[in-house]
C-alpha cells in the first residue's frame, strides 16, 4: 500500500501540535485527519477508518484513554494502530494506554524527523504484502494475514501489539524469548519502550488466552506453552 492511501488521525487539543505533526506527516505523503478531543476522535475514526491514530492522553470532553477503549470495541477498527502522545515522565499514562488497548506511545516533545521515522515504522506492515499464514496450536488458531485469533471456535480480538507478541512467542512453543529480543522484534529499533510494556501485554494475553499458556522465566523473559 502506498503512503498516499494511508490515513492518519491526529487527536490533540493543542492546535500547534495538530499543525506541526500534521504538516510533517502530510509532507511524507500520508492523508491527515484531525480532531481536538476524544469524542470527535471516536466519530471520525468510525467514519474514516484510519490506519493509524496518534492521540493525546489528556484532553477535554473525553480523554484519550476512554476514546481508545471505545475505538477498540469497534470490530471495523480492529486493525487500526493506536499510539498515544504522552509528556515525558508520564509512566502512568503509558501503562493506562496499554491497558486500554494502545499499541505504542510517542513521548512529547519529539523532533519531526524522529516522529516521521517512528510513524513509518508503525505503518510498515501496510507498505508490503503479507503471506497467508495460519498457525494452529491445539485449540488456538492464529491467522497472521487477517490479524485474527480463534480460541475454541471463538474469535478473540487483540490489539496489534498483543497479537504480534502472541505470534512471536507461539512461533516456537517452549522457547524462552529474552526481554530484549521481544522488545526488538515486536516494537523495533525505532521505538523506545520499557520493560513494563512487555509485562502489561503479557498480563492482557493471560487474561484472554489463558494464564497457563505464558510462563515467566525470572530474570530472562517469557515462553509460550500449550
N, C-alpha and C. Protein backbone atom coordinates (compact mmCIF):
# COMPACT_ATOMS: atom_id res chain seq x y z
N UNK A 1 0.84 -1.20 0.00
CA UNK A 1 0.00 0.00 0.00
C UNK A 1 0.88 1.25 0.00
N UNK A 2 0.54 2.24 -0.83
CA UNK A 2 1.31 3.47 -0.92
C UNK A 2 0.94 4.42 0.22
N UNK A 3 1.86 5.30 0.56
CA UNK A 3 1.62 6.24 1.66
C UNK A 3 0.41 7.12 1.40
N UNK A 4 0.18 7.47 0.14
CA UNK A 4 -0.95 8.34 -0.19
C UNK A 4 -2.29 7.67 0.11
N UNK A 5 -2.29 6.35 0.28
CA UNK A 5 -3.52 5.62 0.56
C UNK A 5 -3.73 5.39 2.06
N UNK A 6 -2.75 5.79 2.87
CA UNK A 6 -2.81 5.55 4.31
C UNK A 6 -3.34 6.78 5.03
N UNK A 7 -4.35 6.56 5.88
CA UNK A 7 -4.97 7.64 6.65
C UNK A 7 -4.44 7.64 8.09
N UNK A 8 -4.08 8.83 8.55
CA UNK A 8 -3.64 9.00 9.93
C UNK A 8 -4.55 10.02 10.61
N UNK A 9 -5.14 9.63 11.73
CA UNK A 9 -5.98 10.52 12.52
C UNK A 9 -5.15 11.09 13.67
N UNK A 10 -4.99 12.41 13.69
CA UNK A 10 -4.28 13.10 14.76
C UNK A 10 -5.29 13.68 15.73
N UNK A 11 -5.08 13.42 17.02
CA UNK A 11 -6.04 13.89 18.03
C UNK A 11 -5.28 14.61 19.14
N UNK A 12 -5.52 15.90 19.27
CA UNK A 12 -4.86 16.70 20.32
C UNK A 12 -5.65 17.98 20.50
N UNK A 13 -5.72 18.48 21.72
CA UNK A 13 -6.46 19.72 21.97
C UNK A 13 -5.58 20.96 21.77
N UNK A 14 -4.32 20.75 21.43
CA UNK A 14 -3.42 21.87 21.15
C UNK A 14 -3.29 22.07 19.65
N UNK A 15 -3.79 23.20 19.12
CA UNK A 15 -3.75 23.44 17.68
C UNK A 15 -2.33 23.38 17.10
N UNK A 16 -1.35 23.84 17.88
CA UNK A 16 0.04 23.84 17.39
C UNK A 16 0.54 22.43 17.12
N UNK A 17 0.16 21.49 18.01
CA UNK A 17 0.57 20.09 17.84
C UNK A 17 -0.05 19.52 16.57
N UNK A 18 -1.35 19.78 16.38
CA UNK A 18 -2.04 19.28 15.18
C UNK A 18 -1.39 19.84 13.93
N UNK A 19 -1.05 21.14 13.96
CA UNK A 19 -0.48 21.78 12.78
C UNK A 19 0.91 21.24 12.46
N UNK A 20 1.76 21.17 13.48
CA UNK A 20 3.16 20.75 13.26
C UNK A 20 3.24 19.28 12.86
N UNK A 21 2.57 18.42 13.65
CA UNK A 21 2.60 16.99 13.37
C UNK A 21 1.92 16.70 12.03
N UNK A 22 0.77 17.33 11.81
CA UNK A 22 0.03 17.13 10.58
C UNK A 22 0.84 17.54 9.35
N UNK A 23 1.54 18.67 9.45
CA UNK A 23 2.34 19.16 8.33
C UNK A 23 3.44 18.18 7.98
N UNK A 24 4.17 17.72 8.99
CA UNK A 24 5.31 16.83 8.74
C UNK A 24 4.87 15.49 8.15
N UNK A 25 3.75 14.98 8.62
CA UNK A 25 3.28 13.69 8.11
C UNK A 25 2.64 13.83 6.73
N UNK A 26 1.98 14.96 6.48
CA UNK A 26 1.41 15.18 5.14
C UNK A 26 2.53 15.37 4.12
N UNK A 27 3.64 15.99 4.54
CA UNK A 27 4.80 16.14 3.66
C UNK A 27 5.40 14.78 3.30
N UNK A 28 5.21 13.82 4.21
CA UNK A 28 5.71 12.47 3.97
C UNK A 28 4.80 11.72 2.99
N UNK A 29 3.60 12.26 2.75
CA UNK A 29 2.70 11.66 1.77
C UNK A 29 1.43 11.04 2.34
N UNK A 30 1.28 11.07 3.66
CA UNK A 30 0.11 10.45 4.29
C UNK A 30 -1.11 11.37 4.24
N UNK A 31 -2.31 10.76 4.25
CA UNK A 31 -3.55 11.51 4.39
C UNK A 31 -3.74 11.83 5.88
N UNK A 32 -4.00 13.09 6.19
CA UNK A 32 -4.11 13.51 7.58
C UNK A 32 -5.53 13.98 7.91
N UNK A 33 -6.07 13.44 9.01
CA UNK A 33 -7.37 13.84 9.54
C UNK A 33 -7.11 14.30 10.97
N UNK A 34 -7.85 15.31 11.44
CA UNK A 34 -7.60 15.81 12.78
C UNK A 34 -8.87 15.88 13.63
N UNK A 35 -8.67 15.84 14.94
CA UNK A 35 -9.75 16.02 15.91
C UNK A 35 -9.13 16.63 17.15
N UNK A 36 -9.91 17.44 17.90
CA UNK A 36 -9.33 18.12 19.06
C UNK A 36 -9.81 17.60 20.40
N UNK A 37 -10.54 16.47 20.39
CA UNK A 37 -10.87 15.80 21.65
C UNK A 37 -11.26 14.35 21.36
N UNK A 38 -11.37 13.56 22.43
CA UNK A 38 -11.63 12.14 22.26
C UNK A 38 -12.97 11.82 21.63
N UNK A 39 -14.00 12.59 21.97
CA UNK A 39 -15.34 12.33 21.43
C UNK A 39 -15.34 12.49 19.90
N UNK A 40 -14.71 13.56 19.43
CA UNK A 40 -14.64 13.78 17.98
C UNK A 40 -13.77 12.71 17.33
N UNK A 41 -12.74 12.28 18.05
CA UNK A 41 -11.86 11.24 17.51
C UNK A 41 -12.63 9.95 17.26
N UNK A 42 -13.50 9.57 18.19
CA UNK A 42 -14.30 8.36 18.04
C UNK A 42 -15.18 8.46 16.80
N UNK A 43 -15.84 9.60 16.62
CA UNK A 43 -16.72 9.80 15.47
C UNK A 43 -15.95 9.74 14.16
N UNK A 44 -14.80 10.41 14.13
CA UNK A 44 -14.02 10.44 12.89
C UNK A 44 -13.39 9.08 12.59
N UNK A 45 -13.02 8.35 13.65
CA UNK A 45 -12.45 7.01 13.45
C UNK A 45 -13.48 6.09 12.82
N UNK A 46 -14.72 6.16 13.29
CA UNK A 46 -15.80 5.32 12.75
C UNK A 46 -16.07 5.67 11.29
N UNK A 47 -16.01 6.96 10.97
CA UNK A 47 -16.31 7.41 9.62
C UNK A 47 -15.17 7.16 8.64
N UNK A 48 -13.94 7.48 9.06
CA UNK A 48 -12.79 7.45 8.15
C UNK A 48 -12.02 6.13 8.15
N UNK A 49 -12.15 5.35 9.24
CA UNK A 49 -11.39 4.10 9.40
C UNK A 49 -9.90 4.30 9.12
N UNK A 50 -9.23 5.10 9.93
CA UNK A 50 -7.81 5.38 9.71
C UNK A 50 -6.94 4.15 9.96
N UNK A 51 -5.78 4.14 9.34
CA UNK A 51 -4.83 3.05 9.57
C UNK A 51 -4.08 3.27 10.88
N UNK A 52 -3.87 4.54 11.23
CA UNK A 52 -3.14 4.88 12.45
C UNK A 52 -3.83 6.05 13.14
N UNK A 53 -3.93 5.97 14.47
CA UNK A 53 -4.42 7.09 15.28
C UNK A 53 -3.31 7.50 16.23
N UNK A 54 -2.93 8.78 16.18
CA UNK A 54 -1.97 9.34 17.12
C UNK A 54 -2.76 10.27 18.03
N UNK A 55 -2.84 9.93 19.31
CA UNK A 55 -3.80 10.60 20.19
C UNK A 55 -3.17 11.05 21.51
N UNK A 56 -3.47 12.29 21.88
CA UNK A 56 -3.05 12.81 23.17
C UNK A 56 -3.84 12.10 24.27
N UNK A 57 -3.28 12.07 25.46
CA UNK A 57 -3.97 11.42 26.59
C UNK A 57 -4.91 12.39 27.28
N UNK A 58 -4.39 13.53 27.71
CA UNK A 58 -5.18 14.50 28.47
C UNK A 58 -5.87 15.48 27.53
N UNK A 59 -7.20 15.35 27.43
CA UNK A 59 -7.99 16.23 26.57
C UNK A 59 -9.34 16.50 27.21
N UNK A 60 -9.98 17.64 26.87
CA UNK A 60 -11.31 17.94 27.41
C UNK A 60 -12.39 17.08 26.76
N UNK A 61 -13.53 17.01 27.40
CA UNK A 61 -14.74 16.32 26.91
C UNK A 61 -14.60 14.80 26.98
N UNK A 62 -13.56 14.25 26.41
CA UNK A 62 -13.27 12.81 26.53
C UNK A 62 -11.77 12.64 26.36
N UNK A 63 -11.12 12.01 27.34
CA UNK A 63 -9.66 11.86 27.22
C UNK A 63 -9.30 10.72 26.27
N UNK A 64 -8.01 10.59 26.01
CA UNK A 64 -7.55 9.60 25.05
C UNK A 64 -7.76 8.17 25.49
N UNK A 65 -7.66 7.93 26.79
CA UNK A 65 -7.84 6.57 27.31
C UNK A 65 -9.25 6.06 27.03
N UNK A 66 -10.24 6.87 27.36
CA UNK A 66 -11.64 6.48 27.13
C UNK A 66 -11.92 6.32 25.64
N UNK A 67 -11.40 7.25 24.85
CA UNK A 67 -11.60 7.17 23.40
C UNK A 67 -11.00 5.88 22.84
N UNK A 68 -9.81 5.52 23.32
CA UNK A 68 -9.14 4.30 22.86
C UNK A 68 -9.98 3.07 23.20
N UNK A 69 -10.52 3.03 24.40
CA UNK A 69 -11.35 1.89 24.82
C UNK A 69 -12.57 1.74 23.92
N UNK A 70 -13.21 2.85 23.58
CA UNK A 70 -14.40 2.82 22.72
C UNK A 70 -14.03 2.36 21.31
N UNK A 71 -12.93 2.88 20.80
CA UNK A 71 -12.48 2.50 19.45
C UNK A 71 -12.14 1.02 19.39
N UNK A 72 -11.52 0.50 20.43
CA UNK A 72 -11.12 -0.90 20.45
C UNK A 72 -12.34 -1.85 20.50
N UNK A 73 -13.49 -1.34 20.89
CA UNK A 73 -14.70 -2.16 20.93
C UNK A 73 -15.36 -2.27 19.56
N UNK A 74 -14.90 -1.46 18.60
CA UNK A 74 -15.49 -1.43 17.26
C UNK A 74 -14.77 -2.44 16.36
N UNK A 75 -15.45 -3.50 15.92
CA UNK A 75 -14.80 -4.52 15.09
C UNK A 75 -14.29 -3.98 13.76
N UNK A 76 -14.86 -2.88 13.26
CA UNK A 76 -14.41 -2.30 11.99
C UNK A 76 -13.05 -1.62 12.14
N UNK A 77 -12.63 -1.39 13.39
CA UNK A 77 -11.37 -0.68 13.63
C UNK A 77 -10.33 -1.56 14.30
N UNK A 78 -10.53 -2.88 14.21
CA UNK A 78 -9.63 -3.79 14.92
C UNK A 78 -8.21 -3.77 14.37
N UNK A 79 -8.05 -3.37 13.10
CA UNK A 79 -6.71 -3.33 12.51
C UNK A 79 -6.05 -1.96 12.64
N UNK A 80 -6.79 -0.99 13.18
CA UNK A 80 -6.23 0.35 13.35
C UNK A 80 -5.16 0.35 14.44
N UNK A 81 -4.01 0.94 14.12
CA UNK A 81 -2.93 1.08 15.10
C UNK A 81 -3.19 2.34 15.92
N UNK A 82 -3.09 2.23 17.22
CA UNK A 82 -3.29 3.40 18.10
C UNK A 82 -2.03 3.65 18.91
N UNK A 83 -1.53 4.86 18.82
CA UNK A 83 -0.38 5.25 19.63
C UNK A 83 -0.70 6.55 20.35
N UNK A 84 -0.27 6.64 21.60
CA UNK A 84 -0.56 7.82 22.41
C UNK A 84 0.58 8.81 22.40
N UNK A 85 0.23 10.08 22.54
CA UNK A 85 1.19 11.14 22.79
C UNK A 85 1.20 11.38 24.30
N UNK A 86 2.35 11.23 24.93
CA UNK A 86 2.44 11.44 26.37
C UNK A 86 3.61 12.36 26.69
N UNK A 87 3.44 13.15 27.74
CA UNK A 87 4.52 14.02 28.19
C UNK A 87 5.62 13.17 28.81
N UNK A 88 6.83 13.62 28.70
CA UNK A 88 7.96 12.87 29.24
C UNK A 88 7.78 12.62 30.73
N UNK A 89 7.96 11.37 31.15
CA UNK A 89 7.85 11.03 32.56
C UNK A 89 6.47 10.59 33.00
N UNK A 90 5.48 10.62 32.10
CA UNK A 90 4.12 10.21 32.47
C UNK A 90 3.98 8.69 32.33
N UNK A 91 4.66 7.95 33.20
CA UNK A 91 4.62 6.49 33.13
C UNK A 91 3.21 5.96 33.32
N UNK A 92 2.44 6.62 34.18
CA UNK A 92 1.07 6.16 34.44
C UNK A 92 0.21 6.23 33.19
N UNK A 93 0.44 7.25 32.36
CA UNK A 93 -0.32 7.39 31.11
C UNK A 93 0.04 6.28 30.14
N UNK A 94 1.31 5.92 30.11
CA UNK A 94 1.74 4.87 29.20
C UNK A 94 1.13 3.53 29.58
N UNK A 95 1.15 3.21 30.87
CA UNK A 95 0.57 1.95 31.33
C UNK A 95 -0.93 1.94 31.09
N UNK A 96 -1.60 3.06 31.42
CA UNK A 96 -3.04 3.15 31.21
C UNK A 96 -3.38 3.01 29.74
N UNK A 97 -2.53 3.55 28.88
CA UNK A 97 -2.76 3.45 27.44
C UNK A 97 -2.69 2.02 26.95
N UNK A 98 -1.70 1.26 27.41
CA UNK A 98 -1.60 -0.14 27.03
C UNK A 98 -2.78 -0.93 27.57
N UNK A 99 -3.22 -0.60 28.77
CA UNK A 99 -4.38 -1.27 29.36
C UNK A 99 -5.63 -1.03 28.50
N UNK A 100 -5.72 0.15 27.92
CA UNK A 100 -6.89 0.50 27.12
C UNK A 100 -6.84 -0.11 25.72
N UNK A 101 -5.68 -0.67 25.34
CA UNK A 101 -5.58 -1.31 24.04
C UNK A 101 -4.68 -0.60 23.05
N UNK A 102 -3.90 0.37 23.52
CA UNK A 102 -2.98 1.07 22.61
C UNK A 102 -1.84 0.15 22.20
N UNK A 103 -1.28 0.43 21.03
CA UNK A 103 -0.16 -0.36 20.51
C UNK A 103 1.19 0.21 20.91
N UNK A 104 1.23 1.51 21.14
CA UNK A 104 2.52 2.16 21.37
C UNK A 104 2.27 3.55 21.95
N UNK A 105 3.36 4.26 22.22
CA UNK A 105 3.24 5.65 22.63
C UNK A 105 4.41 6.46 22.10
N UNK A 106 4.17 7.74 21.92
CA UNK A 106 5.19 8.68 21.48
C UNK A 106 5.35 9.72 22.57
N UNK A 107 6.58 9.96 22.98
CA UNK A 107 6.83 10.90 24.06
C UNK A 107 7.06 12.31 23.51
N UNK A 108 6.33 13.26 24.08
CA UNK A 108 6.50 14.67 23.70
C UNK A 108 7.53 15.33 24.61
N UNK A 109 8.30 16.30 24.11
CA UNK A 109 8.36 16.73 22.70
C UNK A 109 9.17 15.75 21.86
N UNK A 110 8.89 15.74 20.58
CA UNK A 110 9.60 14.84 19.67
C UNK A 110 10.00 15.61 18.42
N UNK A 111 11.20 15.37 17.92
CA UNK A 111 11.67 16.05 16.73
C UNK A 111 10.93 15.51 15.51
N UNK A 112 10.62 16.38 14.55
CA UNK A 112 9.86 15.97 13.35
C UNK A 112 10.43 14.75 12.64
N UNK A 113 11.76 14.70 12.44
CA UNK A 113 12.37 13.58 11.73
C UNK A 113 12.20 12.27 12.51
N UNK A 114 12.31 12.37 13.84
CA UNK A 114 12.13 11.19 14.68
C UNK A 114 10.68 10.73 14.62
N UNK A 115 9.76 11.68 14.64
CA UNK A 115 8.34 11.37 14.55
C UNK A 115 8.02 10.64 13.26
N UNK A 116 8.51 11.16 12.15
CA UNK A 116 8.25 10.54 10.84
C UNK A 116 8.83 9.13 10.80
N UNK A 117 10.03 8.95 11.33
CA UNK A 117 10.66 7.63 11.36
C UNK A 117 9.83 6.65 12.18
N UNK A 118 9.33 7.12 13.31
CA UNK A 118 8.54 6.26 14.18
C UNK A 118 7.23 5.87 13.51
N UNK A 119 6.58 6.83 12.87
CA UNK A 119 5.31 6.55 12.18
C UNK A 119 5.54 5.59 11.03
N UNK A 120 6.61 5.78 10.27
CA UNK A 120 6.93 4.86 9.18
C UNK A 120 7.10 3.44 9.70
N UNK A 121 7.74 3.32 10.87
CA UNK A 121 7.95 2.00 11.47
C UNK A 121 6.63 1.37 11.88
N UNK A 122 5.76 2.17 12.49
CA UNK A 122 4.46 1.65 12.92
C UNK A 122 3.61 1.19 11.74
N UNK A 123 3.75 1.89 10.63
CA UNK A 123 2.91 1.61 9.46
C UNK A 123 3.57 0.68 8.44
N UNK A 124 4.71 0.13 8.80
CA UNK A 124 5.47 -0.66 7.84
C UNK A 124 4.66 -1.83 7.28
N UNK A 125 3.82 -2.44 8.09
CA UNK A 125 3.09 -3.61 7.62
C UNK A 125 2.09 -3.27 6.51
N UNK A 126 1.68 -1.99 6.43
CA UNK A 126 0.75 -1.60 5.37
C UNK A 126 1.48 -1.31 4.06
N UNK A 127 2.81 -1.27 4.12
CA UNK A 127 3.59 -0.92 2.93
C UNK A 127 4.09 -2.12 2.15
N UNK A 128 3.70 -3.32 2.59
CA UNK A 128 4.09 -4.51 1.84
C UNK A 128 3.04 -5.58 2.03
N UNK A 129 3.01 -6.52 1.12
CA UNK A 129 2.05 -7.61 1.21
C UNK A 129 2.53 -8.63 2.23
N UNK A 130 1.58 -9.29 2.88
CA UNK A 130 1.93 -10.34 3.83
C UNK A 130 1.51 -11.68 3.27
N UNK A 131 2.26 -12.72 3.58
CA UNK A 131 1.93 -14.04 3.11
C UNK A 131 0.82 -14.64 3.94
N UNK A 132 -0.07 -15.35 3.30
CA UNK A 132 -1.13 -16.02 4.01
C UNK A 132 -0.52 -17.08 4.91
N UNK A 133 -0.76 -16.96 6.18
CA UNK A 133 -0.14 -17.88 7.13
C UNK A 133 -1.08 -18.11 8.29
N UNK A 134 -1.48 -19.36 8.47
CA UNK A 134 -2.34 -19.73 9.59
C UNK A 134 -1.62 -20.78 10.43
N UNK A 135 -1.56 -20.52 11.72
CA UNK A 135 -0.90 -21.42 12.65
C UNK A 135 -1.94 -22.00 13.60
N UNK A 136 -1.90 -23.31 13.79
CA UNK A 136 -2.83 -23.97 14.71
C UNK A 136 -2.03 -24.67 15.81
N UNK A 137 -2.31 -24.29 17.05
CA UNK A 137 -1.67 -24.89 18.21
C UNK A 137 -2.76 -25.34 19.16
N UNK A 138 -3.05 -26.61 19.16
CA UNK A 138 -4.15 -27.10 19.98
C UNK A 138 -5.46 -26.48 19.54
N UNK A 139 -6.17 -25.84 20.49
CA UNK A 139 -7.45 -25.21 20.15
C UNK A 139 -7.28 -23.73 19.82
N UNK A 140 -6.04 -23.31 19.62
CA UNK A 140 -5.75 -21.91 19.26
C UNK A 140 -5.36 -21.82 17.79
N UNK A 141 -6.05 -20.96 17.03
CA UNK A 141 -5.75 -20.75 15.62
C UNK A 141 -5.36 -19.29 15.43
N UNK A 142 -4.19 -19.07 14.82
CA UNK A 142 -3.69 -17.72 14.58
C UNK A 142 -3.61 -17.49 13.08
N UNK A 143 -4.38 -16.53 12.59
CA UNK A 143 -4.34 -16.15 11.18
C UNK A 143 -3.54 -14.85 11.08
N UNK A 144 -2.28 -14.97 10.67
CA UNK A 144 -1.39 -13.82 10.67
C UNK A 144 -1.76 -12.79 9.61
N UNK A 145 -2.31 -13.26 8.49
CA UNK A 145 -2.67 -12.33 7.42
C UNK A 145 -3.88 -11.49 7.81
N UNK A 146 -4.85 -12.12 8.46
CA UNK A 146 -6.08 -11.42 8.84
C UNK A 146 -5.98 -10.77 10.21
N UNK A 147 -4.83 -10.96 10.88
CA UNK A 147 -4.67 -10.45 12.25
C UNK A 147 -5.84 -10.88 13.12
N UNK A 148 -6.08 -12.21 13.12
CA UNK A 148 -7.23 -12.74 13.85
C UNK A 148 -6.82 -14.02 14.58
N UNK A 149 -7.31 -14.18 15.80
CA UNK A 149 -7.10 -15.43 16.51
C UNK A 149 -8.44 -16.02 16.93
N UNK A 150 -8.47 -17.34 16.97
CA UNK A 150 -9.67 -18.05 17.39
C UNK A 150 -9.27 -19.05 18.47
N UNK A 151 -9.98 -19.05 19.58
CA UNK A 151 -9.71 -19.97 20.68
C UNK A 151 -10.98 -20.77 20.97
N UNK A 152 -10.89 -22.08 20.79
CA UNK A 152 -12.05 -22.97 21.00
C UNK A 152 -13.24 -22.53 20.16
N UNK A 153 -12.95 -22.10 18.93
CA UNK A 153 -14.00 -21.71 18.00
C UNK A 153 -14.52 -20.30 18.17
N UNK A 154 -14.00 -19.57 19.16
CA UNK A 154 -14.47 -18.20 19.42
C UNK A 154 -13.38 -17.20 19.06
N UNK A 155 -13.74 -16.22 18.23
CA UNK A 155 -12.76 -15.20 17.86
C UNK A 155 -12.51 -14.26 19.03
N UNK A 156 -11.23 -13.99 19.29
CA UNK A 156 -10.84 -13.10 20.39
C UNK A 156 -10.09 -11.91 19.80
N UNK A 157 -10.66 -10.70 19.91
CA UNK A 157 -9.98 -9.53 19.37
C UNK A 157 -8.77 -9.16 20.22
N UNK A 158 -7.67 -8.86 19.54
CA UNK A 158 -6.45 -8.44 20.23
C UNK A 158 -5.92 -7.15 19.61
N UNK A 159 -5.49 -6.19 20.43
CA UNK A 159 -4.77 -5.04 19.90
C UNK A 159 -3.52 -5.53 19.17
N UNK A 160 -3.01 -4.72 18.28
CA UNK A 160 -1.95 -5.16 17.38
C UNK A 160 -0.71 -5.69 18.10
N UNK A 161 -0.24 -4.98 19.11
CA UNK A 161 0.99 -5.41 19.77
C UNK A 161 0.78 -6.70 20.57
N UNK A 162 -0.39 -6.88 21.13
CA UNK A 162 -0.69 -8.15 21.80
C UNK A 162 -0.66 -9.28 20.78
N UNK A 163 -1.22 -9.03 19.60
CA UNK A 163 -1.24 -10.04 18.54
C UNK A 163 0.19 -10.38 18.11
N UNK A 164 1.01 -9.36 17.89
CA UNK A 164 2.37 -9.59 17.43
C UNK A 164 3.21 -10.29 18.50
N UNK A 165 2.96 -9.96 19.76
CA UNK A 165 3.66 -10.63 20.85
C UNK A 165 3.26 -12.10 20.92
N UNK A 166 1.97 -12.37 20.76
CA UNK A 166 1.49 -13.75 20.75
C UNK A 166 2.11 -14.53 19.58
N UNK A 167 2.15 -13.91 18.41
CA UNK A 167 2.75 -14.57 17.24
C UNK A 167 4.21 -14.92 17.49
N UNK A 168 4.93 -14.00 18.11
CA UNK A 168 6.35 -14.25 18.37
C UNK A 168 6.53 -15.40 19.33
N UNK A 169 5.85 -15.37 20.47
CA UNK A 169 6.03 -16.40 21.48
C UNK A 169 5.55 -17.77 20.99
N UNK A 170 4.44 -17.77 20.25
CA UNK A 170 3.87 -19.03 19.78
C UNK A 170 4.60 -19.59 18.57
N UNK A 171 5.48 -18.80 17.97
CA UNK A 171 6.23 -19.27 16.80
C UNK A 171 7.18 -20.41 17.17
N UNK A 172 7.52 -20.50 18.45
CA UNK A 172 8.42 -21.56 18.92
C UNK A 172 8.04 -21.94 20.35
N UNK A 173 6.93 -22.68 20.51
CA UNK A 173 6.46 -23.05 21.85
C UNK A 173 7.55 -23.72 22.67
N UNK A 174 7.68 -23.28 23.90
CA UNK A 174 8.69 -23.85 24.79
C UNK A 174 9.99 -23.08 24.81
N UNK A 175 10.23 -22.29 23.76
CA UNK A 175 11.45 -21.48 23.73
C UNK A 175 11.30 -20.27 24.62
N UNK A 176 12.34 -19.95 25.38
CA UNK A 176 12.34 -18.75 26.21
C UNK A 176 12.83 -17.57 25.38
N UNK A 177 11.98 -16.58 25.20
CA UNK A 177 12.35 -15.37 24.48
C UNK A 177 12.82 -14.32 25.49
N UNK A 178 14.04 -13.86 25.30
CA UNK A 178 14.59 -12.85 26.21
C UNK A 178 13.85 -11.53 26.04
N UNK A 179 13.79 -10.75 27.11
CA UNK A 179 13.05 -9.49 27.09
C UNK A 179 13.58 -8.55 26.01
N UNK A 180 14.91 -8.46 25.86
CA UNK A 180 15.47 -7.57 24.85
C UNK A 180 15.09 -8.02 23.44
N UNK A 181 15.04 -9.33 23.23
CA UNK A 181 14.63 -9.84 21.92
C UNK A 181 13.17 -9.53 21.63
N UNK A 182 12.34 -9.65 22.67
CA UNK A 182 10.92 -9.34 22.50
C UNK A 182 10.73 -7.87 22.13
N UNK A 183 11.41 -6.98 22.85
CA UNK A 183 11.31 -5.55 22.56
C UNK A 183 11.77 -5.25 21.14
N UNK A 184 12.84 -5.89 20.72
CA UNK A 184 13.40 -5.64 19.39
C UNK A 184 12.46 -6.14 18.29
N UNK A 185 11.93 -7.36 18.45
CA UNK A 185 11.14 -7.97 17.38
C UNK A 185 9.70 -7.49 17.33
N UNK A 186 9.15 -7.09 18.47
CA UNK A 186 7.75 -6.64 18.49
C UNK A 186 7.66 -5.12 18.35
N UNK A 187 8.54 -4.40 19.02
CA UNK A 187 8.47 -2.94 18.99
C UNK A 187 9.49 -2.30 18.07
N UNK A 188 10.60 -2.97 17.80
CA UNK A 188 11.56 -2.49 16.82
C UNK A 188 12.56 -1.48 17.39
N UNK A 189 13.59 -1.24 16.58
CA UNK A 189 14.67 -0.34 17.00
C UNK A 189 14.20 1.10 17.11
N UNK A 190 13.20 1.48 16.30
CA UNK A 190 12.79 2.88 16.27
C UNK A 190 11.94 3.27 17.47
N UNK A 191 11.46 2.27 18.21
CA UNK A 191 10.52 2.52 19.29
C UNK A 191 11.22 2.32 20.63
N UNK A 192 11.10 3.31 21.50
CA UNK A 192 11.73 3.22 22.82
C UNK A 192 10.65 2.95 23.86
N UNK A 193 10.64 1.73 24.40
CA UNK A 193 9.68 1.37 25.43
C UNK A 193 10.42 0.67 26.56
N UNK A 194 9.78 0.58 27.71
CA UNK A 194 10.40 -0.04 28.86
C UNK A 194 9.93 -1.46 29.08
N UNK A 195 10.57 -2.12 30.04
CA UNK A 195 10.23 -3.49 30.34
C UNK A 195 8.80 -3.67 30.82
N UNK A 196 8.25 -2.64 31.45
CA UNK A 196 6.87 -2.73 31.94
C UNK A 196 5.89 -2.92 30.79
N UNK A 197 6.28 -2.44 29.62
CA UNK A 197 5.43 -2.59 28.44
C UNK A 197 5.16 -4.08 28.16
N UNK A 198 6.20 -4.89 28.21
CA UNK A 198 6.04 -6.32 27.98
C UNK A 198 5.14 -6.93 29.04
N UNK A 199 5.37 -6.56 30.30
CA UNK A 199 4.60 -7.13 31.40
C UNK A 199 3.11 -6.86 31.25
N UNK A 200 2.77 -5.63 30.85
CA UNK A 200 1.36 -5.27 30.66
C UNK A 200 0.74 -6.11 29.55
N UNK A 201 1.45 -6.27 28.44
CA UNK A 201 0.91 -7.03 27.32
C UNK A 201 0.80 -8.53 27.64
N UNK A 202 1.75 -9.06 28.38
CA UNK A 202 1.67 -10.47 28.79
C UNK A 202 0.48 -10.68 29.71
N UNK A 203 0.26 -9.75 30.63
CA UNK A 203 -0.88 -9.90 31.55
C UNK A 203 -2.20 -9.89 30.80
N UNK A 204 -2.31 -9.01 29.79
CA UNK A 204 -3.54 -8.96 28.99
C UNK A 204 -3.73 -10.24 28.19
N UNK A 205 -2.65 -10.79 27.65
CA UNK A 205 -2.74 -12.04 26.91
C UNK A 205 -3.15 -13.19 27.84
N UNK A 206 -2.62 -13.21 29.04
CA UNK A 206 -3.00 -14.25 30.00
C UNK A 206 -4.50 -14.20 30.30
N UNK A 207 -5.03 -12.99 30.40
CA UNK A 207 -6.46 -12.84 30.68
C UNK A 207 -7.32 -13.36 29.54
N UNK A 208 -6.83 -13.21 28.31
CA UNK A 208 -7.63 -13.56 27.13
C UNK A 208 -7.39 -14.98 26.62
N UNK A 209 -6.13 -15.42 26.67
CA UNK A 209 -5.77 -16.73 26.12
C UNK A 209 -5.70 -17.81 27.19
N UNK A 210 -5.32 -17.42 28.39
CA UNK A 210 -5.17 -18.39 29.48
C UNK A 210 -3.84 -18.21 30.18
N UNK A 211 -3.88 -18.13 31.49
CA UNK A 211 -2.67 -17.89 32.27
C UNK A 211 -1.64 -19.00 32.08
N UNK A 212 -2.13 -20.23 31.87
CA UNK A 212 -1.23 -21.38 31.76
C UNK A 212 -0.39 -21.35 30.48
N UNK A 213 -0.79 -20.53 29.50
CA UNK A 213 -0.09 -20.52 28.21
C UNK A 213 1.19 -19.70 28.21
N UNK A 214 1.36 -18.83 29.20
CA UNK A 214 2.50 -17.93 29.21
C UNK A 214 3.28 -18.10 30.52
N UNK A 215 4.51 -18.54 30.39
CA UNK A 215 5.34 -18.78 31.56
C UNK A 215 6.44 -17.72 31.67
N UNK A 216 6.62 -17.23 32.89
CA UNK A 216 7.67 -16.26 33.16
C UNK A 216 8.94 -16.98 33.58
N UNK A 217 10.04 -16.67 32.94
CA UNK A 217 11.35 -17.19 33.34
C UNK A 217 12.07 -16.02 34.01
N UNK A 218 12.08 -16.02 35.31
CA UNK A 218 12.55 -14.87 36.09
C UNK A 218 13.94 -14.43 35.67
N UNK A 219 14.05 -13.13 35.41
CA UNK A 219 15.33 -12.55 35.04
C UNK A 219 15.73 -12.77 33.60
N UNK A 220 14.88 -13.50 32.84
CA UNK A 220 15.23 -13.80 31.44
C UNK A 220 14.17 -13.30 30.48
N UNK A 221 12.95 -13.87 30.57
CA UNK A 221 11.90 -13.47 29.65
C UNK A 221 10.65 -14.32 29.78
N UNK A 222 10.05 -14.68 28.65
CA UNK A 222 8.80 -15.42 28.65
C UNK A 222 8.83 -16.53 27.60
N UNK A 223 7.98 -17.54 27.83
CA UNK A 223 7.80 -18.59 26.84
C UNK A 223 6.33 -18.96 26.73
N UNK A 224 5.97 -19.51 25.58
CA UNK A 224 4.59 -19.92 25.31
C UNK A 224 4.50 -21.43 25.47
N UNK A 225 3.49 -21.88 26.21
CA UNK A 225 3.31 -23.32 26.47
C UNK A 225 1.85 -23.67 26.27
N UNK A 226 1.59 -24.76 25.50
CA UNK A 226 0.20 -25.24 25.34
C UNK A 226 0.12 -26.68 25.79
